Amino acid sequence: MPVPIIIDCDPGHDDALAIMLAAGDPAVDLLAITTVAGNQTLAKTTLNARRVCTLAGIADVPIAAGCDRPLVEPLKVADDVHGTSGLDGPQFPEPTVDVVPEHAVDLIHRILTSHPEPVTLVPTAPLTNIALLLTRYPDAAARIREIVLMGGSTERGNRTPAAEFNVQADPEAADIVFRSGVPVTMCGLNVTHQALATPEVVARFNDMGTDLGRTCAELLTFYASTYRELWGFQDPPLHDPVAVARVIDPKIVHCVDANVVVELHGRYTRGATVVDLHRYMDRPVNAQAAITLEADLFWDRMVAAVATLGGRKG
């Protein structure tokens, strides 16, 4: 049976492909898409979710907008990575898919309490919506199968030397999630940097001969240009779909038990995920940390999902 999931995202090039993977792969049942401020403002990330769903023919999944700023600090967007729109590169059609008139946190809670089985949450963005859900609706935790997030790192960061963007954007929210007692899997930079969109991968999308395939290739091409400029990557890592792939088939993403603590006060390390892989601190396990990726399996599922959506649209 497909695993029921909700994606909480801030599209973002890699979020866009995460949505397509979740909508196009038969191993998961995408119940909703919720948006949060992160890579861009809430208005832009929500518009981008609508654009992606319109292009990919995803018309039966509700979209709801959530929090427009972090819990404590001002919003700092990643326009240096994703451009002024958050999805720079391709030309998208005017969206025909609209949002539902409900706050993202309320929609998630309603789905959790009404669905016949526990639901997996897949946040690929700052964790503001998820933290607010857990604090506003304490009963929600019992209805969450697990939280499989893209964020953090077992190593270094990409926004500061120590901190990854999604966690660094709202450390207090991430701290709430990791301390919640809900099963958490962290797909951090150390594993997502293994999902490289090589020229051969981009060609697989172009070779589909569909508007959706070409758009994916254009997204990855723009994304590659910013990654080369900012970090010197020859090929860009596709972060967010890795979390979806972990739910689709756990064999794609190998994890180990760990204790994860979010640093809130360090002068140079605020927003870092301190991942105790070797039990130095004798703290209890509170997460699974993703370590290695079966890259060929990952890209096969990603390409197949986009091909399925492209066929469905035609």
Protein backbone atom coordinates (compact mmCIF):
# COMPACT_ATOMS: atom_id res chain seq x y z
CA MET A 1 0.00 0.00 0.00
CA PRO A 2 1.27 3.51 -0.77
CA VAL A 3 2.57 5.47 2.22
CA PRO A 4 0.39 8.55 2.90
CA ILE A 5 2.54 11.69 3.04
CA ILE A 6 2.29 15.47 3.28
CA ILE A 7 5.08 17.58 1.80
CA ASP A 8 5.89 20.85 3.59
CA CYS A 9 8.07 22.90 1.25
CA ASP A 10 9.40 26.26 0.07
CA PRO A 11 9.86 25.85 -3.73
CA GLY A 12 12.83 26.23 -4.63
CA HIS A 13 14.23 24.18 -7.52
CA ASP A 14 14.83 21.02 -5.52
CA ASP A 15 11.46 21.32 -3.75
CA ALA A 16 9.81 21.43 -7.17
CA LEU A 17 11.32 18.07 -8.10
CA ALA A 18 10.46 16.68 -4.67
CA ILE A 19 6.80 17.50 -5.36
CA MET A 20 7.00 15.74 -8.73
CA LEU A 21 8.65 12.67 -7.20
CA ALA A 22 5.95 12.43 -4.53
CA ALA A 23 3.11 12.93 -7.01
CA GLY A 24 4.50 10.61 -9.68
CA ASP A 25 5.79 7.63 -7.71
CA PRO A 26 3.22 4.94 -6.87
CA ALA A 27 4.89 4.05 -3.54
CA VAL A 28 3.53 7.17 -1.85
CA ASP A 29 0.12 8.82 -1.65
CA LEU A 30 0.53 12.60 -1.66
CA LEU A 31 -2.28 13.96 0.53
CA ALA A 32 -1.34 17.65 0.59
CA ILE A 33 1.34 20.21 -0.21
CA THR A 34 1.95 22.93 2.36
CA THR A 35 4.22 25.93 1.95
CA VAL A 36 6.36 28.04 4.25
CA ALA A 37 8.68 31.00 3.88
CA GLY A 38 12.27 29.93 3.31
CA ASN A 39 13.95 29.92 -0.09
CA GLN A 40 11.69 32.86 -0.87
CA THR A 41 8.81 34.72 0.74
CA LEU A 42 5.64 32.79 1.50
CA ALA A 43 3.80 34.48 -1.37
CA LYS A 44 6.48 33.33 -3.83
CA THR A 45 6.90 29.78 -2.48
CA THR A 46 3.13 29.30 -2.57
CA LEU A 47 2.90 30.65 -6.11
CA ASN A 48 5.73 28.33 -7.10
CA ALA A 49 3.95 25.29 -5.66
CA ARG A 50 0.90 26.25 -7.72
CA ARG A 51 3.06 26.67 -10.84
CA VAL A 52 4.69 23.27 -10.41
CA CYS A 53 1.37 21.52 -9.84
CA THR A 54 -0.18 23.24 -12.85
CA LEU A 55 2.67 22.24 -15.15
CA ALA A 56 2.83 18.67 -13.81
CA GLY A 57 -0.94 18.12 -13.94
CA ILE A 58 -1.23 17.71 -10.16
CA ALA A 59 -4.75 19.01 -9.72
CA ASP A 60 -6.18 16.80 -6.99
CA VAL A 61 -3.77 17.60 -4.14
CA PRO A 62 -4.68 20.52 -1.85
CA ILE A 63 -2.11 23.30 -1.41
CA ALA A 64 -2.15 25.45 1.73
CA ALA A 65 0.07 28.38 2.72
CA GLY A 66 1.59 28.43 6.18
CA CYS A 67 3.98 30.58 8.19
CA ASP A 68 5.48 33.66 6.57
CA ARG A 69 8.44 34.04 8.94
CA PRO A 70 10.56 32.01 11.36
CA LEU A 71 9.54 31.68 15.00
CA VAL A 72 12.16 34.12 16.33
CA GLU A 73 14.41 35.75 13.75
CA PRO A 74 13.58 37.76 10.63
CA LEU A 75 13.21 35.89 7.35
CA LYS A 76 16.36 35.60 5.21
CA VAL A 77 15.61 34.14 1.78
CA ALA A 78 18.00 32.25 -0.52
CA ASP A 79 17.63 34.36 -3.64
CA ASP A 80 21.34 33.89 -4.34
CA VAL A 81 20.59 30.20 -4.96
CA HIS A 82 17.06 30.16 -6.37
CA GLY A 83 16.72 33.63 -7.89
CA THR A 84 14.22 36.40 -7.27
CA SER A 85 11.22 34.20 -8.06
CA GLY A 86 12.49 31.18 -6.16
CA LEU A 87 12.22 29.16 -9.40
CA ASP A 88 14.34 31.17 -11.82
CA GLY A 89 15.20 29.59 -15.14
CA PRO A 90 12.14 28.13 -16.90
CA GLN A 91 9.02 29.94 -18.01
CA PHE A 92 6.00 28.56 -16.16
CA PRO A 93 2.39 28.78 -17.32
CA GLU A 94 -0.07 30.85 -15.33
CA PRO A 95 -1.19 28.63 -12.47
CA THR A 96 -4.65 27.13 -12.65
CA VAL A 97 -4.27 25.23 -9.37
CA ASP A 98 -5.27 27.37 -6.39
CA VAL A 99 -4.68 27.21 -2.65
CA VAL A 100 -7.30 26.09 -0.17
CA PRO A 101 -8.62 28.75 2.27
CA GLU A 102 -6.98 27.14 5.29
CA HIS A 103 -3.70 27.69 7.11
CA ALA A 104 -1.17 24.96 6.37
CA VAL A 105 -0.91 23.94 10.02
CA ASP A 106 -4.67 23.56 10.31
CA LEU A 107 -4.83 21.55 7.08
CA ILE A 108 -2.09 19.20 8.26
CA HIS A 109 -3.86 18.71 11.59
CA ARG A 110 -7.19 18.05 9.90
CA ILE A 111 -5.65 15.43 7.62
CA LEU A 112 -3.79 13.78 10.49
CA THR A 113 -6.90 13.46 12.62
CA SER A 114 -9.20 12.30 9.81
CA HIS A 115 -6.94 9.92 7.89
CA PRO A 116 -7.49 6.24 8.72
CA GLU A 117 -3.78 5.61 9.30
CA PRO A 118 -0.81 7.64 10.58
CA VAL A 119 0.70 10.00 8.02
CA THR A 120 4.37 10.68 7.22
CA LEU A 121 5.40 14.34 7.10
CA VAL A 122 8.15 15.24 4.63
CA PRO A 123 9.42 18.78 5.35
CA THR A 124 11.90 20.04 2.76
CA ALA A 125 12.01 23.58 4.13
CA PRO A 126 12.49 25.47 7.40
CA LEU A 127 10.53 23.58 10.05
CA THR A 128 8.32 26.48 11.18
CA ASN A 129 5.02 24.91 10.12
CA ILE A 130 5.88 21.55 11.70
CA ALA A 131 6.99 23.12 14.98
CA LEU A 132 3.80 25.17 15.13
CA LEU A 133 1.74 22.06 14.44
CA LEU A 134 3.41 20.18 17.32
CA THR A 135 2.96 23.07 19.77
CA ARG A 136 -0.54 24.18 18.75
CA TYR A 137 -1.91 20.65 18.41
CA PRO A 138 -0.11 18.34 20.86
CA ASP A 139 -2.47 15.52 19.87
CA ALA A 140 -1.00 15.58 16.35
CA ALA A 141 2.17 13.76 17.37
CA ALA A 142 0.34 10.47 17.89
CA ARG A 143 -1.03 10.63 14.34
CA ILE A 144 2.36 11.19 12.67
CA ARG A 145 4.00 8.00 11.45
CA GLU A 146 7.35 9.77 11.15
CA ILE A 147 8.96 13.02 10.06
CA VAL A 148 11.44 12.55 7.21
CA LEU A 149 13.09 15.91 6.68
CA MET A 150 15.68 17.45 4.43
CA GLY A 151 17.87 19.55 6.62
CA GLY A 152 20.96 19.64 8.77
CA SER A 153 24.18 17.74 8.21
CA THR A 154 26.45 15.29 9.97
CA GLU A 155 29.34 17.43 8.71
CA ARG A 156 29.51 21.10 7.69
CA GLY A 157 26.89 23.60 6.60
CA ASN A 158 25.96 25.49 3.45
CA ARG A 159 24.68 28.74 4.94
CA THR A 160 27.32 29.14 7.61
CA PRO A 161 30.39 26.94 8.10
CA ALA A 162 28.38 24.90 10.61
CA ALA A 163 24.72 25.24 9.61
CA GLU A 164 22.55 24.01 6.73
CA PHE A 165 19.95 26.43 5.32
CA ASN A 166 16.67 24.81 6.40
CA VAL A 167 17.75 24.40 10.02
CA GLN A 168 19.66 27.67 10.19
CA ALA A 169 16.62 29.55 8.85
CA ASP A 170 14.60 28.60 11.96
CA PRO A 171 16.71 26.83 14.60
CA GLU A 172 14.04 27.10 17.28
CA ALA A 173 11.55 25.26 15.06
CA ALA A 174 14.10 22.54 14.29
CA ASP A 175 14.83 22.17 18.01
CA ILE A 176 11.12 21.60 18.70
CA VAL A 177 10.93 18.92 16.01
CA PHE A 178 14.00 16.98 17.15
CA ARG A 179 12.85 17.09 20.78
CA SER A 180 9.24 16.16 19.98
CA GLY A 181 9.50 12.42 20.50
CA VAL A 182 8.08 11.82 17.01
CA PRO A 183 10.30 9.47 14.95
CA VAL A 184 12.59 11.72 12.86
CA THR A 185 14.82 10.88 9.91
CA MET A 186 17.31 13.58 8.94
CA CYS A 187 18.45 13.66 5.31
CA GLY A 188 21.26 16.19 5.57
CA LEU A 189 23.82 17.70 3.26
CA ASN A 190 26.19 14.81 3.80
CA VAL A 191 23.78 12.49 1.94
CA THR A 192 22.09 14.93 -0.45
CA HIS A 193 25.51 15.92 -1.83
CA GLN A 194 25.57 12.39 -3.25
CA ALA A 195 22.52 13.15 -5.47
CA LEU A 196 24.40 15.02 -8.18
CA ALA A 197 22.54 16.16 -11.29
CA THR A 198 25.22 15.33 -13.84
CA PRO A 199 24.90 16.22 -17.54
CA GLU A 200 23.79 12.62 -18.13
CA VAL A 201 20.96 13.07 -15.62
CA VAL A 202 19.87 16.35 -17.20
CA ALA A 203 19.87 14.65 -20.61
CA ARG A 204 17.47 11.98 -19.29
CA PHE A 205 14.92 14.70 -18.55
CA ASN A 206 15.45 16.46 -21.89
CA ASP A 207 15.16 13.18 -23.78
CA MET A 208 11.60 12.67 -22.51
CA GLY A 209 10.47 15.13 -25.16
CA THR A 210 7.79 16.59 -22.88
CA ASP A 211 7.26 20.09 -21.52
CA LEU A 212 7.67 18.75 -17.99
CA GLY A 213 10.92 16.95 -18.79
CA ARG A 214 12.36 20.03 -20.48
CA THR A 215 11.33 22.21 -17.54
CA CYS A 216 13.10 19.85 -15.12
CA ALA A 217 16.23 20.09 -17.28
CA GLU A 218 15.97 23.90 -17.27
CA LEU A 219 15.50 23.97 -13.50
CA LEU A 220 18.61 21.85 -13.01
CA THR A 221 20.61 23.94 -15.48
CA PHE A 222 19.85 27.21 -13.67
CA TYR A 223 20.44 25.53 -10.30
CA ALA A 224 23.81 24.23 -11.52
CA SER A 225 24.89 27.75 -12.45
CA THR A 226 24.33 29.12 -8.93
CA TYR A 227 25.95 26.10 -7.30
CA ARG A 228 29.06 26.51 -9.44
CA GLU A 229 29.25 30.21 -8.61
CA LEU A 230 28.63 29.89 -4.87
CA TRP A 231 30.24 26.58 -3.94
CA GLY A 232 32.28 25.42 -6.90
CA PHE A 233 30.16 22.33 -7.60
CA GLN A 234 30.54 21.02 -11.13
CA ASP A 235 27.12 19.34 -10.84
CA PRO A 236 24.43 20.51 -8.40
CA PRO A 237 23.14 18.30 -5.58
CA LEU A 238 19.39 17.75 -5.61
CA HIS A 239 18.64 17.93 -1.90
CA ASP A 240 14.91 17.76 -1.23
CA PRO A 241 13.83 14.72 -3.29
CA VAL A 242 16.21 12.60 -1.22
CA ALA A 243 13.81 12.84 1.73
CA VAL A 244 10.92 11.70 -0.48
CA ALA A 245 13.06 8.86 -1.84
CA ARG A 246 13.73 7.65 1.71
CA VAL A 247 9.98 7.20 2.20
CA ILE A 248 9.47 5.62 -1.23
CA ASP A 249 12.14 2.96 -0.67
CA PRO A 250 14.30 2.99 2.49
CA LYS A 251 16.95 1.01 0.61
CA ILE A 252 17.72 4.10 -1.47
CA VAL A 253 18.83 6.10 1.58
CA HIS A 254 20.83 4.28 4.27
CA CYS A 255 20.50 5.62 7.82
CA VAL A 256 21.98 5.04 11.26
CA ASP A 257 20.61 5.77 14.72
CA ALA A 258 21.91 8.96 16.31
CA ASN A 259 21.23 11.71 18.78
CA VAL A 260 20.70 15.06 17.06
CA VAL A 261 20.73 18.37 18.91
CA VAL A 262 20.19 21.78 17.30
CA GLU A 263 22.64 24.44 18.44
CA LEU A 264 20.68 27.56 19.41
CA HIS A 265 23.24 29.78 21.12
CA GLY A 266 26.66 29.32 19.54
CA ARG A 267 28.27 32.52 18.32
CA TYR A 268 29.56 30.77 15.21
CA THR A 269 27.46 27.61 15.24
CA ARG A 270 23.84 28.71 15.70
CA GLY A 271 21.63 26.45 13.57
CA ALA A 272 24.12 23.59 13.42
CA THR A 273 22.90 20.03 13.86
CA VAL A 274 25.16 18.31 16.35
CA VAL A 275 24.91 14.65 15.30
CA ASP A 276 26.38 12.22 17.82
CA LEU A 277 27.11 9.23 15.59
CA HIS A 278 29.49 7.60 18.07
CA ARG A 279 27.55 8.12 21.35
CA TYR A 280 30.16 10.44 22.83
CA MET A 281 27.59 12.26 24.97
CA ASP A 282 25.54 9.27 26.14
CA ARG A 283 22.33 10.98 25.02
CA PRO A 284 19.37 8.86 23.87
CA VAL A 285 18.78 8.21 20.17
CA ASN A 286 16.18 10.66 18.85
CA ALA A 287 16.68 10.36 15.08
CA GLN A 288 17.92 8.38 12.17
CA ALA A 289 20.66 10.17 10.27
CA ALA A 290 20.98 9.47 6.55
CA ILE A 291 24.53 8.51 5.61
CA THR A 292 24.69 7.07 2.07
CA LEU A 293 22.58 7.26 -1.07
CA GLU A 294 22.09 4.68 -3.79
CA ALA A 295 22.37 7.36 -6.46
CA ASP A 296 21.44 5.22 -9.47
CA LEU A 297 18.26 3.97 -7.78
CA PHE A 298 17.44 7.53 -6.70
CA TRP A 299 17.70 8.97 -10.20
CA ASP A 300 15.78 6.07 -11.71
CA ARG A 301 12.82 6.79 -9.40
CA MET A 302 13.10 10.55 -9.98
CA VAL A 303 13.12 10.24 -13.77
CA ALA A 304 10.33 7.64 -13.77
CA ALA A 305 8.10 9.88 -11.64
CA VAL A 306 8.53 12.85 -13.98
CA ALA A 307 7.87 10.60 -16.98
CA THR A 308 4.68 9.35 -15.33
CA LEU A 309 3.45 12.87 -14.68
CA GLY A 310 4.36 13.94 -18.19
CA GLY A 311 2.40 11.04 -19.62
CA ARG A 312 -0.55 11.79 -17.36
CA LYS A 313 -0.58 15.42 -18.48
CA GLY A 314 -0.63 14.40 -22.16
